[in-house]
Amino acid sequence: MRSTYRGIRFLFTLARMPKEDIQLLQSKSIHLLPNNSSHLIQQKLQFHTTPQLKSINIFQVQDENDFQKQILDSKKPFIVDFHATWCKPCKVLQPRLEKAIASYNKDVKIDQQVALAKIDIDKCVELSAKYDVQVVPTVLSIKDGKVIDRFSGVVDENKILKVLNKLNK
């Protein structure tokens, strides 16, 4: 089990490495690699983000001033995801949010496209308190500085799409 975990961890690390680093790893550190993985280096695996997800504007909110400037002062609609790095349901919800937003953005005008703002509750405690975030994940939809809708917990894509539709009514 442990060696499988190390192998999977190695694959994801390898996928993010530039080719030059992979060649350096191959030439100098082959003895540190998990068993049977040298052929993976020779293939130089590359993982790619799907084109669908590249169309989403996603950013991390750093502090309350950043939130004010980027979201509240903007005319653009936002989905704000209050999450935590240790939260398993947050990790389940994140790809659903990204997929739903990407699908929604394909069908609307550019000025109605929704951006995703992510807020780590452990780093932005004041914002979490200000918006009464009691559980994670909590998702707010905000347009013109006003909260339009909110939900907590893991939901399916249909619920997310309903929230997105409310943003541009």
N, C-alpha and C. Protein backbone atom coordinates (compact mmCIF):
# COMPACT_ATOMS: atom_id res chain seq x y z
N MET A 1 0.83 -1.20 0.00
CA MET A 1 0.00 0.00 0.00
C MET A 1 0.87 1.26 0.00
N ARG A 2 1.87 1.28 0.86
CA ARG A 2 2.74 2.45 0.96
C ARG A 2 3.48 2.71 -0.35
N SER A 3 3.96 1.66 -1.00
CA SER A 3 4.69 1.85 -2.25
C SER A 3 3.75 2.34 -3.36
N THR A 4 2.48 1.91 -3.33
CA THR A 4 1.52 2.39 -4.31
C THR A 4 1.29 3.88 -4.12
N TYR A 5 1.14 4.29 -2.86
CA TYR A 5 0.96 5.70 -2.56
C TYR A 5 2.16 6.51 -3.04
N ARG A 6 3.38 6.01 -2.76
CA ARG A 6 4.59 6.72 -3.20
C ARG A 6 4.63 6.81 -4.72
N GLY A 7 4.20 5.75 -5.39
CA GLY A 7 4.21 5.75 -6.85
C GLY A 7 3.24 6.77 -7.42
N ILE A 8 2.05 6.84 -6.86
CA ILE A 8 1.05 7.80 -7.33
C ILE A 8 1.52 9.22 -7.04
N ARG A 9 2.07 9.44 -5.86
CA ARG A 9 2.60 10.75 -5.51
C ARG A 9 3.71 11.15 -6.48
N PHE A 10 4.56 10.19 -6.82
CA PHE A 10 5.63 10.44 -7.77
C PHE A 10 5.07 10.84 -9.13
N LEU A 11 4.01 10.16 -9.59
CA LEU A 11 3.43 10.47 -10.90
C LEU A 11 2.94 11.91 -10.96
N PHE A 12 2.25 12.36 -9.91
CA PHE A 12 1.75 13.73 -9.91
C PHE A 12 2.89 14.74 -9.83
N THR A 13 3.93 14.42 -9.10
CA THR A 13 5.09 15.30 -9.04
C THR A 13 5.77 15.36 -10.40
N LEU A 14 5.93 14.22 -11.02
CA LEU A 14 6.55 14.14 -12.34
C LEU A 14 5.76 14.93 -13.37
N ALA A 15 4.44 14.85 -13.30
CA ALA A 15 3.60 15.52 -14.28
C ALA A 15 3.76 17.03 -14.24
N ARG A 16 4.10 17.58 -13.09
CA ARG A 16 4.23 19.03 -12.96
C ARG A 16 5.64 19.54 -13.22
N MET A 17 6.59 18.63 -13.43
CA MET A 17 7.99 19.04 -13.58
C MET A 17 8.29 19.46 -15.02
N PRO A 18 9.12 20.47 -15.20
CA PRO A 18 9.60 20.82 -16.53
C PRO A 18 10.50 19.70 -17.07
N LYS A 19 10.60 19.61 -18.39
CA LYS A 19 11.38 18.54 -19.01
C LYS A 19 12.84 18.56 -18.56
N GLU A 20 13.39 19.75 -18.34
CA GLU A 20 14.79 19.84 -17.92
C GLU A 20 15.00 19.17 -16.56
N ASP A 21 14.04 19.38 -15.64
CA ASP A 21 14.15 18.77 -14.32
C ASP A 21 13.98 17.26 -14.39
N ILE A 22 13.12 16.82 -15.30
CA ILE A 22 12.94 15.37 -15.47
C ILE A 22 14.23 14.74 -15.96
N GLN A 23 14.90 15.40 -16.91
CA GLN A 23 16.16 14.86 -17.42
C GLN A 23 17.22 14.84 -16.32
N LEU A 24 17.26 15.87 -15.50
CA LEU A 24 18.20 15.91 -14.39
C LEU A 24 17.90 14.79 -13.40
N LEU A 25 16.64 14.59 -13.10
CA LEU A 25 16.22 13.51 -12.21
C LEU A 25 16.63 12.15 -12.78
N GLN A 26 16.45 12.00 -14.06
CA GLN A 26 16.79 10.73 -14.71
C GLN A 26 18.29 10.47 -14.65
N SER A 27 19.07 11.50 -14.83
CA SER A 27 20.52 11.29 -14.88
C SER A 27 21.17 11.13 -13.51
N LYS A 28 20.60 11.77 -12.48
CA LYS A 28 21.30 11.80 -11.19
C LYS A 28 20.61 11.02 -10.07
N SER A 29 19.29 10.87 -10.13
CA SER A 29 18.60 10.35 -8.96
C SER A 29 17.76 9.12 -9.25
N ILE A 30 18.12 8.35 -10.22
CA ILE A 30 17.32 7.20 -10.61
C ILE A 30 17.13 6.21 -9.46
N HIS A 31 18.08 6.13 -8.55
CA HIS A 31 17.97 5.21 -7.43
C HIS A 31 16.93 5.64 -6.40
N LEU A 32 16.47 6.90 -6.43
CA LEU A 32 15.48 7.39 -5.48
C LEU A 32 14.04 7.16 -5.94
N LEU A 33 13.89 6.71 -7.17
CA LEU A 33 12.56 6.59 -7.74
C LEU A 33 11.85 5.33 -7.26
N PRO A 34 10.49 5.36 -7.21
CA PRO A 34 9.76 4.15 -6.88
C PRO A 34 10.05 3.06 -7.92
N ASN A 35 9.87 1.81 -7.51
CA ASN A 35 10.13 0.68 -8.40
C ASN A 35 9.34 0.81 -9.70
N ASN A 36 9.94 0.40 -10.80
CA ASN A 36 9.31 0.37 -12.12
C ASN A 36 8.84 1.73 -12.62
N SER A 37 9.46 2.81 -12.23
CA SER A 37 9.00 4.13 -12.68
C SER A 37 9.96 4.78 -13.67
N SER A 38 11.09 4.17 -13.92
CA SER A 38 12.04 4.80 -14.84
C SER A 38 11.46 4.93 -16.24
N HIS A 39 10.61 3.99 -16.65
CA HIS A 39 9.99 4.10 -17.97
C HIS A 39 9.06 5.31 -18.06
N LEU A 40 8.50 5.74 -16.95
CA LEU A 40 7.63 6.91 -16.95
C LEU A 40 8.42 8.18 -17.25
N ILE A 41 9.62 8.24 -16.73
CA ILE A 41 10.46 9.40 -17.00
C ILE A 41 10.81 9.45 -18.48
N GLN A 42 11.11 8.31 -19.05
CA GLN A 42 11.47 8.29 -20.46
C GLN A 42 10.30 8.72 -21.34
N GLN A 43 9.09 8.42 -20.91
CA GLN A 43 7.91 8.84 -21.68
C GLN A 43 7.60 10.32 -21.46
N LYS A 44 8.14 10.92 -20.39
CA LYS A 44 7.91 12.33 -20.05
C LYS A 44 6.41 12.65 -20.05
N LEU A 45 5.70 12.01 -19.13
CA LEU A 45 4.26 12.19 -19.04
C LEU A 45 3.90 13.66 -18.85
N GLN A 46 2.87 14.08 -19.49
CA GLN A 46 2.37 15.43 -19.35
C GLN A 46 0.87 15.36 -19.08
N PHE A 47 0.39 15.98 -17.99
CA PHE A 47 -1.03 16.08 -17.70
C PHE A 47 -1.47 17.47 -18.11
N HIS A 48 -2.66 17.56 -18.67
CA HIS A 48 -3.16 18.85 -19.14
C HIS A 48 -4.51 19.15 -18.51
N THR A 49 -4.76 20.42 -18.25
CA THR A 49 -6.08 20.84 -17.81
C THR A 49 -6.99 20.78 -19.03
N THR A 50 -8.21 20.35 -18.83
CA THR A 50 -9.13 20.30 -19.95
C THR A 50 -9.41 21.71 -20.44
N PRO A 51 -9.63 21.91 -21.74
CA PRO A 51 -9.90 23.25 -22.27
C PRO A 51 -11.11 23.89 -21.59
N GLN A 52 -12.07 23.07 -21.19
CA GLN A 52 -13.26 23.58 -20.55
C GLN A 52 -12.91 24.35 -19.27
N LEU A 53 -11.99 23.83 -18.47
CA LEU A 53 -11.67 24.47 -17.20
C LEU A 53 -10.75 25.66 -17.37
N LYS A 54 -10.07 25.78 -18.50
CA LYS A 54 -9.22 26.94 -18.72
C LYS A 54 -10.04 28.21 -18.92
N SER A 55 -11.33 28.05 -19.24
CA SER A 55 -12.17 29.21 -19.53
C SER A 55 -12.72 29.87 -18.26
N ILE A 56 -12.44 29.31 -17.10
CA ILE A 56 -12.95 29.89 -15.86
C ILE A 56 -11.92 30.84 -15.27
N ASN A 57 -12.40 31.97 -14.78
CA ASN A 57 -11.54 32.90 -14.08
C ASN A 57 -11.58 32.52 -12.60
N ILE A 58 -10.50 31.91 -12.08
CA ILE A 58 -10.43 31.46 -10.69
C ILE A 58 -9.29 32.21 -10.00
N PHE A 59 -9.56 32.72 -8.82
CA PHE A 59 -8.47 33.33 -8.06
C PHE A 59 -8.68 33.16 -6.57
N GLN A 60 -7.60 33.23 -5.83
CA GLN A 60 -7.61 33.11 -4.38
C GLN A 60 -7.70 34.51 -3.78
N VAL A 61 -8.61 34.70 -2.86
CA VAL A 61 -8.72 35.97 -2.14
C VAL A 61 -7.69 35.94 -1.01
N GLN A 62 -6.86 36.98 -0.94
CA GLN A 62 -5.78 37.03 0.04
C GLN A 62 -6.20 37.62 1.38
N ASP A 63 -7.03 38.68 1.33
CA ASP A 63 -7.45 39.35 2.57
C ASP A 63 -8.72 40.14 2.29
N GLU A 64 -9.16 40.88 3.30
CA GLU A 64 -10.41 41.63 3.17
C GLU A 64 -10.31 42.75 2.13
N ASN A 65 -9.18 43.41 2.05
CA ASN A 65 -9.00 44.47 1.03
C ASN A 65 -9.06 43.90 -0.38
N ASP A 66 -8.44 42.75 -0.58
CA ASP A 66 -8.47 42.07 -1.86
C ASP A 66 -9.91 41.69 -2.22
N PHE A 67 -10.67 41.20 -1.26
CA PHE A 67 -12.07 40.83 -1.46
C PHE A 67 -12.88 42.06 -1.87
N GLN A 68 -12.66 43.16 -1.17
CA GLN A 68 -13.38 44.40 -1.49
C GLN A 68 -13.09 44.86 -2.91
N LYS A 69 -11.82 44.88 -3.24
CA LYS A 69 -11.39 45.39 -4.55
C LYS A 69 -11.82 44.46 -5.70
N GLN A 70 -11.59 43.17 -5.54
CA GLN A 70 -11.83 42.22 -6.63
C GLN A 70 -13.30 41.84 -6.81
N ILE A 71 -14.04 41.75 -5.71
CA ILE A 71 -15.40 41.20 -5.79
C ILE A 71 -16.48 42.24 -5.54
N LEU A 72 -16.42 42.89 -4.40
CA LEU A 72 -17.50 43.81 -4.04
C LEU A 72 -17.54 45.05 -4.93
N ASP A 73 -16.39 45.54 -5.36
CA ASP A 73 -16.35 46.73 -6.22
C ASP A 73 -16.53 46.40 -7.69
N SER A 74 -16.66 45.15 -8.02
CA SER A 74 -16.77 44.72 -9.41
C SER A 74 -18.22 44.61 -9.84
N LYS A 75 -18.47 44.81 -11.11
CA LYS A 75 -19.81 44.61 -11.68
C LYS A 75 -20.00 43.17 -12.13
N LYS A 76 -18.93 42.42 -12.17
CA LYS A 76 -18.96 41.03 -12.63
C LYS A 76 -19.60 40.12 -11.56
N PRO A 77 -20.37 39.11 -11.98
CA PRO A 77 -20.92 38.16 -11.01
C PRO A 77 -19.86 37.17 -10.52
N PHE A 78 -19.95 36.81 -9.25
CA PHE A 78 -18.97 35.91 -8.65
C PHE A 78 -19.64 34.79 -7.87
N ILE A 79 -18.99 33.64 -7.90
CA ILE A 79 -19.28 32.56 -6.96
C ILE A 79 -18.09 32.59 -6.00
N VAL A 80 -18.39 32.71 -4.71
CA VAL A 80 -17.35 32.78 -3.69
C VAL A 80 -17.39 31.50 -2.88
N ASP A 81 -16.31 30.76 -2.93
CA ASP A 81 -16.21 29.46 -2.27
C ASP A 81 -15.38 29.59 -1.00
N PHE A 82 -16.05 29.53 0.16
CA PHE A 82 -15.35 29.51 1.44
C PHE A 82 -14.99 28.05 1.71
N HIS A 83 -13.71 27.76 1.78
CA HIS A 83 -13.24 26.38 1.93
C HIS A 83 -12.09 26.32 2.94
N ALA A 84 -11.64 25.10 3.20
CA ALA A 84 -10.47 24.89 4.05
C ALA A 84 -9.64 23.77 3.44
N THR A 85 -8.34 23.85 3.62
CA THR A 85 -7.45 22.85 3.02
C THR A 85 -7.66 21.47 3.62
N TRP A 86 -8.10 21.40 4.86
CA TRP A 86 -8.31 20.13 5.55
C TRP A 86 -9.69 19.53 5.31
N CYS A 87 -10.56 20.22 4.59
CA CYS A 87 -11.97 19.85 4.43
C CYS A 87 -12.17 18.91 3.24
N LYS A 88 -12.57 17.68 3.51
CA LYS A 88 -12.80 16.70 2.44
C LYS A 88 -14.00 17.07 1.57
N PRO A 89 -15.15 17.49 2.13
CA PRO A 89 -16.27 17.89 1.26
C PRO A 89 -15.90 19.06 0.33
N CYS A 90 -15.02 19.95 0.79
CA CYS A 90 -14.57 21.06 -0.06
C CYS A 90 -13.87 20.53 -1.30
N LYS A 91 -13.10 19.48 -1.12
CA LYS A 91 -12.36 18.89 -2.24
C LYS A 91 -13.30 18.18 -3.21
N VAL A 92 -14.44 17.73 -2.73
CA VAL A 92 -15.45 17.11 -3.59
C VAL A 92 -16.20 18.21 -4.36
N LEU A 93 -16.51 19.30 -3.69
CA LEU A 93 -17.29 20.37 -4.31
C LEU A 93 -16.50 21.15 -5.35
N GLN A 94 -15.22 21.35 -5.14
CA GLN A 94 -14.41 22.20 -6.01
C GLN A 94 -14.52 21.83 -7.49
N PRO A 95 -14.29 20.57 -7.89
CA PRO A 95 -14.41 20.27 -9.33
C PRO A 95 -15.83 20.44 -9.85
N ARG A 96 -16.82 20.20 -9.01
CA ARG A 96 -18.21 20.40 -9.44
C ARG A 96 -18.48 21.87 -9.72
N LEU A 97 -17.98 22.74 -8.85
CA LEU A 97 -18.13 24.18 -9.07
C LEU A 97 -17.46 24.60 -10.38
N GLU A 98 -16.23 24.16 -10.56
CA GLU A 98 -15.47 24.54 -11.75
C GLU A 98 -16.17 24.05 -13.02
N LYS A 99 -16.65 22.83 -13.00
CA LYS A 99 -17.32 22.26 -14.17
C LYS A 99 -18.63 22.99 -14.46
N ALA A 100 -19.41 23.25 -13.42
CA ALA A 100 -20.69 23.95 -13.61
C ALA A 100 -20.47 25.37 -14.13
N ILE A 101 -19.49 26.06 -13.57
CA ILE A 101 -19.21 27.44 -14.01
C ILE A 101 -18.72 27.45 -15.46
N ALA A 102 -17.85 26.51 -15.81
CA ALA A 102 -17.35 26.44 -17.18
C ALA A 102 -18.50 26.16 -18.15
N SER A 103 -19.37 25.26 -17.79
CA SER A 103 -20.51 24.94 -18.64
C SER A 103 -21.46 26.14 -18.76
N TYR A 104 -21.69 26.83 -17.66
CA TYR A 104 -22.55 28.01 -17.66
C TYR A 104 -21.95 29.13 -18.51
N ASN A 105 -20.65 29.37 -18.36
CA ASN A 105 -19.99 30.46 -19.07
C ASN A 105 -19.97 30.27 -20.59
N LYS A 106 -20.07 29.03 -21.04
CA LYS A 106 -20.10 28.77 -22.48
C LYS A 106 -21.38 29.30 -23.12
N ASP A 107 -22.45 29.39 -22.34
CA ASP A 107 -23.76 29.72 -22.89
C ASP A 107 -24.22 31.15 -22.64
N VAL A 108 -23.38 31.99 -22.04
CA VAL A 108 -23.79 33.36 -21.75
C VAL A 108 -22.84 34.38 -22.38
N LYS A 109 -23.29 35.63 -22.43
CA LYS A 109 -22.45 36.70 -22.96
C LYS A 109 -21.27 36.93 -22.03
N ILE A 110 -20.23 37.56 -22.55
CA ILE A 110 -19.00 37.77 -21.78
C ILE A 110 -19.26 38.59 -20.52
N ASP A 111 -20.13 39.60 -20.59
CA ASP A 111 -20.38 40.43 -19.40
C ASP A 111 -21.20 39.70 -18.33
N GLN A 112 -21.76 38.55 -18.67
CA GLN A 112 -22.53 37.76 -17.71
C GLN A 112 -21.75 36.55 -17.19
N GLN A 113 -20.53 36.36 -17.69
CA GLN A 113 -19.76 35.20 -17.25
C GLN A 113 -19.38 35.33 -15.78
N VAL A 114 -19.40 34.20 -15.12
CA VAL A 114 -19.18 34.14 -13.68
C VAL A 114 -17.74 33.75 -13.38
N ALA A 115 -17.14 34.42 -12.40
CA ALA A 115 -15.79 34.08 -11.94
C ALA A 115 -15.90 33.36 -10.60
N LEU A 116 -14.89 32.58 -10.29
CA LEU A 116 -14.86 31.83 -9.03
C LEU A 116 -13.77 32.40 -8.14
N ALA A 117 -14.19 32.84 -6.95
CA ALA A 117 -13.24 33.34 -5.95
C ALA A 117 -13.19 32.33 -4.81
N LYS A 118 -11.99 31.95 -4.43
CA LYS A 118 -11.81 30.95 -3.38
C LYS A 118 -11.22 31.64 -2.15
N ILE A 119 -11.83 31.37 -1.00
CA ILE A 119 -11.37 31.96 0.25
C ILE A 119 -11.11 30.85 1.25
N ASP A 120 -9.85 30.77 1.70
CA ASP A 120 -9.49 29.80 2.73
C ASP A 120 -9.90 30.40 4.08
N ILE A 121 -10.80 29.73 4.77
CA ILE A 121 -11.34 30.28 6.02
C ILE A 121 -10.29 30.39 7.11
N ASP A 122 -9.24 29.60 7.03
CA ASP A 122 -8.18 29.67 8.03
C ASP A 122 -7.28 30.88 7.83
N LYS A 123 -7.24 31.41 6.60
CA LYS A 123 -6.41 32.59 6.32
C LYS A 123 -7.21 33.89 6.37
N CYS A 124 -8.51 33.81 6.14
CA CYS A 124 -9.37 35.00 6.12
C CYS A 124 -10.51 34.84 7.13
N VAL A 125 -10.15 34.81 8.38
CA VAL A 125 -11.12 34.57 9.45
C VAL A 125 -12.16 35.68 9.51
N GLU A 126 -11.73 36.93 9.32
CA GLU A 126 -12.66 38.07 9.40
C GLU A 126 -13.75 37.98 8.33
N LEU A 127 -13.36 37.62 7.12
CA LEU A 127 -14.35 37.48 6.04
C LEU A 127 -15.33 36.36 6.34
N SER A 128 -14.83 35.28 6.88
CA SER A 128 -15.70 34.15 7.23
C SER A 128 -16.73 34.58 8.26
N ALA A 129 -16.30 35.34 9.24
CA ALA A 129 -17.22 35.82 10.27
C ALA A 129 -18.20 36.84 9.70
N LYS A 130 -17.71 37.73 8.86
CA LYS A 130 -18.55 38.77 8.28
C LYS A 130 -19.70 38.18 7.46
N TYR A 131 -19.43 37.08 6.76
CA TYR A 131 -20.45 36.45 5.92
C TYR A 131 -21.08 35.24 6.59
N ASP A 132 -20.92 35.14 7.91
CA ASP A 132 -21.58 34.12 8.74
C ASP A 132 -21.33 32.70 8.21
N VAL A 133 -20.09 32.41 7.91
CA VAL A 133 -19.73 31.07 7.46
C VAL A 133 -19.55 30.20 8.69
N GLN A 134 -20.47 29.25 8.88
CA GLN A 134 -20.44 28.38 10.05
C GLN A 134 -19.91 27.00 9.72
N VAL A 135 -20.08 26.59 8.45
CA VAL A 135 -19.59 25.29 8.00
C VAL A 135 -18.89 25.47 6.65
N VAL A 136 -18.02 24.53 6.34
CA VAL A 136 -17.39 24.53 5.03
C VAL A 136 -17.73 23.23 4.32
N PRO A 137 -17.90 23.28 3.04
CA PRO A 137 -17.86 24.47 2.19
C PRO A 137 -19.15 25.29 2.28
N THR A 138 -18.98 26.59 2.19
CA THR A 138 -20.10 27.52 2.05
C THR A 138 -19.84 28.33 0.79
N VAL A 139 -20.85 28.44 -0.05
CA VAL A 139 -20.71 29.12 -1.33
C VAL A 139 -21.72 30.26 -1.41
N LEU A 140 -21.22 31.44 -1.74
CA LEU A 140 -22.07 32.62 -1.93
C LEU A 140 -22.05 33.02 -3.39
N SER A 141 -23.18 33.52 -3.88
CA SER A 141 -23.18 34.14 -5.20
C SER A 141 -23.35 35.64 -4.96
N ILE A 142 -22.44 36.40 -5.55
CA ILE A 142 -22.39 37.85 -5.31
C ILE A 142 -22.38 38.59 -6.64
N LYS A 143 -23.24 39.61 -6.72
CA LYS A 143 -23.25 40.48 -7.91
C LYS A 143 -23.48 41.90 -7.44
N ASP A 144 -22.72 42.83 -7.99
CA ASP A 144 -22.81 44.25 -7.62
C ASP A 144 -22.64 44.45 -6.11
N GLY A 145 -21.79 43.64 -5.49
CA GLY A 145 -21.50 43.78 -4.08
C GLY A 145 -22.56 43.22 -3.14
N LYS A 146 -23.60 42.58 -3.70
CA LYS A 146 -24.68 42.04 -2.87
C LYS A 146 -24.74 40.52 -2.98
N VAL A 147 -25.00 39.88 -1.84
CA VAL A 147 -25.16 38.42 -1.84
C VAL A 147 -26.54 38.09 -2.42
N ILE A 148 -26.54 37.31 -3.49
CA ILE A 148 -27.78 36.94 -4.16
C ILE A 148 -28.32 35.62 -3.61
N ASP A 149 -27.42 34.67 -3.39
CA ASP A 149 -27.82 33.35 -2.91
C ASP A 149 -26.64 32.71 -2.18
N ARG A 150 -26.92 31.63 -1.45
CA ARG A 150 -25.86 30.92 -0.75
C ARG A 150 -26.30 29.49 -0.50
N PHE A 151 -25.32 28.61 -0.36
CA PHE A 151 -25.59 27.24 0.08
C PHE A 151 -24.37 26.72 0.82
N SER A 152 -24.59 25.70 1.63
CA SER A 152 -23.51 25.08 2.39
C SER A 152 -23.51 23.58 2.11
N GLY A 153 -22.34 23.01 2.17
CA GLY A 153 -22.21 21.57 1.96
C GLY A 153 -22.01 21.23 0.50
N VAL A 154 -21.91 19.93 0.25
CA VAL A 154 -21.71 19.44 -1.11
C VAL A 154 -23.07 19.32 -1.79
N VAL A 155 -23.20 19.93 -2.95
CA VAL A 155 -24.44 19.86 -3.74
C VAL A 155 -24.11 19.37 -5.14
N ASP A 156 -25.14 18.96 -5.88
CA ASP A 156 -24.91 18.49 -7.24
C ASP A 156 -24.84 19.67 -8.22
N GLU A 157 -24.47 19.38 -9.45
CA GLU A 157 -24.28 20.43 -10.46
C GLU A 157 -25.57 21.16 -10.79
N ASN A 158 -26.70 20.47 -10.71
CA ASN A 158 -27.98 21.13 -11.00
C ASN A 158 -28.26 22.26 -10.02
N LYS A 159 -28.00 22.04 -8.75
CA LYS A 159 -28.18 23.09 -7.73
C LYS A 159 -27.23 24.26 -8.01
N ILE A 160 -26.00 23.94 -8.39
CA ILE A 160 -25.03 25.00 -8.70
C ILE A 160 -25.51 25.82 -9.90
N LEU A 161 -26.02 25.15 -10.93
CA LEU A 161 -26.52 25.85 -12.11
C LEU A 161 -27.71 26.75 -11.78
N LYS A 162 -28.57 26.32 -10.86
CA LYS A 162 -29.70 27.16 -10.43
C LYS A 162 -29.19 28.44 -9.76
N VAL A 163 -28.17 28.30 -8.93
CA VAL A 163 -27.56 29.46 -8.28
C VAL A 163 -26.94 30.39 -9.31
N LEU A 164 -26.27 29.82 -10.31
CA LEU A 164 -25.66 30.63 -11.37
C LEU A 164 -26.72 31.38 -12.17
N ASN A 165 -27.82 30.72 -12.45
CA ASN A 165 -28.91 31.37 -13.20
C ASN A 165 -29.51 32.54 -12.42
N LYS A 166 -29.60 32.43 -11.09
CA LYS A 166 -30.12 33.52 -10.26
C LYS A 166 -29.22 34.76 -10.34
N LEU A 167 -27.93 34.55 -10.55
CA LEU A 167 -26.99 35.67 -10.60
C LEU A 167 -27.27 36.64 -11.73
N ASN A 168 -27.72 36.16 -12.85
CA ASN A 168 -27.91 37.01 -14.02
C ASN A 168 -29.36 37.28 -14.36
N LYS A 169 -30.25 37.18 -13.39
CA LYS A 169 -31.66 37.52 -13.63
C LYS A 169 -31.86 39.00 -13.51
